[in-house]
Protein backbone atom coordinates (compact mmCIF):
# COMPACT_ATOMS: atom_id res chain seq x y z
CA UNK A 1 16.26 -21.03 -13.08
CA UNK A 2 18.11 -21.41 -9.79
CA UNK A 3 17.36 -24.05 -7.18
CA UNK A 4 15.99 -21.27 -4.97
CA UNK A 5 13.25 -20.44 -7.44
CA UNK A 6 12.50 -23.77 -9.12
CA UNK A 7 8.85 -24.71 -9.18
CA UNK A 8 7.49 -21.16 -9.17
CA UNK A 9 4.44 -20.69 -11.36
CA UNK A 10 4.13 -16.89 -11.31
CA UNK A 11 7.59 -15.28 -11.18
CA UNK A 12 9.00 -15.12 -14.71
CA UNK A 13 5.67 -16.16 -16.19
CA UNK A 14 2.52 -14.38 -17.29
CA UNK A 15 0.17 -14.67 -14.35
CA UNK A 16 -3.51 -13.80 -14.39
CA UNK A 17 -5.05 -11.82 -11.58
CA UNK A 18 -6.62 -14.31 -9.12
CA UNK A 19 -10.40 -14.10 -8.92
CA UNK A 20 -10.42 -14.17 -5.12
CA UNK A 21 -8.08 -14.54 -2.13
CA UNK A 22 -9.22 -18.15 -1.81
CA UNK A 23 -7.97 -19.01 -5.31
CA UNK A 24 -4.75 -16.98 -5.10
CA UNK A 25 -1.50 -18.92 -4.72
CA UNK A 26 1.07 -17.49 -2.31
CA UNK A 27 4.40 -18.97 -3.38
CA UNK A 28 7.58 -19.43 -1.40
CA UNK A 29 11.25 -19.85 -2.21
CA UNK A 30 14.05 -21.48 -0.24
CA UNK A 31 15.75 -19.14 2.21
CA UNK A 32 19.50 -19.17 1.48
CA UNK A 33 20.11 -17.60 4.94
CA UNK A 34 17.84 -19.97 6.87
CA UNK A 35 20.21 -20.21 9.84
CA UNK A 36 20.34 -16.44 10.35
CA UNK A 37 17.84 -14.49 12.47
CA UNK A 38 16.70 -11.48 10.43
CA UNK A 39 13.54 -9.57 9.59
CA UNK A 40 11.86 -8.98 6.24
CA UNK A 41 9.30 -6.24 5.65
CA UNK A 42 6.68 -5.99 2.93
CA UNK A 43 4.78 -2.72 2.63
CA UNK A 44 1.61 -2.36 0.59
CA UNK A 45 0.52 1.29 0.84
CA UNK A 46 -2.35 0.96 -1.64
CA UNK A 47 -4.20 -2.17 -0.50
CA UNK A 48 -7.87 -2.26 -1.46
CA UNK A 49 -10.85 -4.46 -0.72
CA UNK A 50 -14.60 -4.00 -0.71
CA UNK A 51 -16.98 -3.36 2.17
CA UNK A 52 -19.08 -6.54 2.39
CA UNK A 53 -22.21 -4.53 3.18
CA UNK A 54 -22.05 -1.60 0.75
CA UNK A 55 -19.65 -2.80 -1.93
CA UNK A 56 -17.74 0.47 -1.58
CA UNK A 57 -13.94 0.31 -1.78
CA UNK A 58 -11.86 0.27 1.41
CA UNK A 59 -8.22 1.30 1.45
CA UNK A 60 -5.37 0.36 3.76
CA UNK A 61 -1.64 0.69 4.21
CA UNK A 62 -0.37 -2.79 5.13
CA UNK A 63 2.98 -3.52 6.74
CA UNK A 64 4.03 -7.16 7.10
CA UNK A 65 7.14 -7.98 9.13
CA UNK A 66 8.41 -11.54 9.47
CA UNK A 67 11.44 -13.52 10.58
CA UNK A 68 11.85 -16.34 8.07
CA UNK A 69 12.93 -19.90 8.76
CA UNK A 70 13.40 -22.11 5.70
CA UNK A 71 11.11 -20.17 3.34
CA UNK A 72 10.75 -16.68 1.93
CA UNK A 73 7.55 -15.36 0.40
CA UNK A 74 7.97 -14.67 -3.31
CA UNK A 75 7.00 -11.04 -3.84
CA UNK A 76 5.17 -11.31 -7.19
CA UNK A 77 2.85 -13.94 -5.76
CA UNK A 78 2.29 -11.71 -2.71
CA UNK A 79 1.40 -8.80 -4.97
CA UNK A 80 -1.08 -10.96 -6.90
CA UNK A 81 -2.52 -12.32 -3.65
CA UNK A 82 -3.01 -8.84 -2.21
CA UNK A 83 -4.63 -7.52 -5.39
CA UNK A 84 -7.07 -10.46 -5.31
CA UNK A 85 -8.84 -8.59 -2.49
CA UNK A 86 -9.84 -5.73 -4.84
CA UNK A 87 -13.16 -7.38 -5.69
CA UNK A 88 -13.51 -9.25 -2.41
CA UNK A 89 -15.98 -8.16 0.23
CA UNK A 90 -14.70 -8.49 3.80
CA UNK A 91 -14.37 -6.41 6.92
CA UNK A 92 -11.01 -4.83 7.77
CA UNK A 93 -10.36 -7.30 10.58
CA UNK A 94 -11.06 -10.30 8.35
CA UNK A 95 -8.81 -9.07 5.53
CA UNK A 96 -5.87 -8.30 7.82
CA UNK A 97 -5.99 -11.55 9.79
CA UNK A 98 -6.66 -13.66 6.66
CA UNK A 99 -3.53 -12.23 5.03
CA UNK A 100 -1.49 -13.08 8.13
CA UNK A 101 -2.85 -16.63 8.25
CA UNK A 102 -2.19 -17.31 4.55
CA UNK A 103 1.33 -15.88 4.94
CA UNK A 104 2.00 -18.10 7.98
CA UNK A 105 0.65 -21.17 6.17
CA UNK A 106 2.91 -20.56 3.16
CA UNK A 107 6.14 -19.39 4.82
CA UNK A 108 6.06 -21.02 8.27
CA UNK A 109 8.01 -18.06 9.72
CA UNK A 110 9.67 -17.89 13.14
CA UNK A 111 7.61 -14.78 13.80
CA UNK A 112 5.18 -12.52 11.97
CA UNK A 113 3.29 -9.31 12.59
CA UNK A 114 0.97 -7.38 10.32
CA UNK A 115 -0.30 -3.86 10.73
CA UNK A 116 -3.41 -2.97 8.74
CA UNK A 117 -3.76 0.82 8.83
CA UNK A 118 -7.19 1.35 7.30
CA UNK A 119 -8.47 4.67 6.07
CA UNK A 120 -11.70 5.89 7.69
CA UNK A 121 -15.01 4.32 6.79
CA UNK A 122 -18.03 6.16 8.11
CA UNK A 123 -15.71 8.60 9.87
CA UNK A 124 -13.97 5.91 11.95
CA UNK A 125 -10.51 4.62 11.06
CA UNK A 126 -10.01 0.97 11.96
CA UNK A 127 -6.45 -0.25 12.46
CA UNK A 128 -5.93 -4.01 12.79
CA UNK A 129 -2.83 -5.70 14.19
CA UNK A 130 -1.88 -9.36 14.43
CA UNK A 131 1.29 -10.93 15.77
CA UNK A 132 2.27 -14.57 16.26
CA UNK A 133 4.04 -13.97 19.58
CA UNK A 134 6.79 -11.90 21.12
CA UNK A 135 9.58 -10.65 18.86
CA UNK A 136 12.38 -13.24 18.96
CA UNK A 137 15.23 -12.23 21.23
CA UNK A 138 17.98 -10.51 19.26
CA UNK A 139 15.76 -9.66 16.27
CA UNK A 140 15.80 -6.00 15.30
CA UNK A 141 12.44 -4.91 13.92
CA UNK A 142 11.95 -1.19 13.35
CA UNK A 143 8.70 0.61 14.09
CA UNK A 144 6.24 0.17 11.24
CA UNK A 145 6.42 3.91 10.61
CA UNK A 146 2.75 4.42 9.85
CA UNK A 147 1.00 7.03 11.94
CA UNK A 148 -2.51 6.32 13.10
CA UNK A 149 -5.15 8.44 11.42
CA UNK A 150 -5.24 11.94 12.84
CA UNK A 151 -7.70 13.76 10.61
CA UNK A 152 -7.54 17.47 11.39
CA UNK A 153 -6.48 16.87 15.01
């Protein structure tokens, strides 16, 4: 195992699905390009959670953009973390912002934004956006590329 990935408990190992977002471990690896300003994008087009009131499933397309410093988020642990929401009841806003906060805590990025493009619930789509501040000068970050819900309009 390389020095970049030493200490990981999920990548390269059998890893059980976390019971909840609170128990999920979001792992990080050393950034070999720590002195370079660049953006990383994770896209999760099939994110699911549960409505805390009805228990019905909610679906979202998540896009997470970040400019790393010393750490990168390890993608298997992110996948396990995101799937831990499948049996978790929370409103769209709570899920989206909680993911951003856990990501920030683990990676300590220069900058982060998350777009939570939620499919309609009760006929109303709810899109949730969080950003840690302005995009760093000189950082190219493309549009998230997800259209807001248009229905038949």
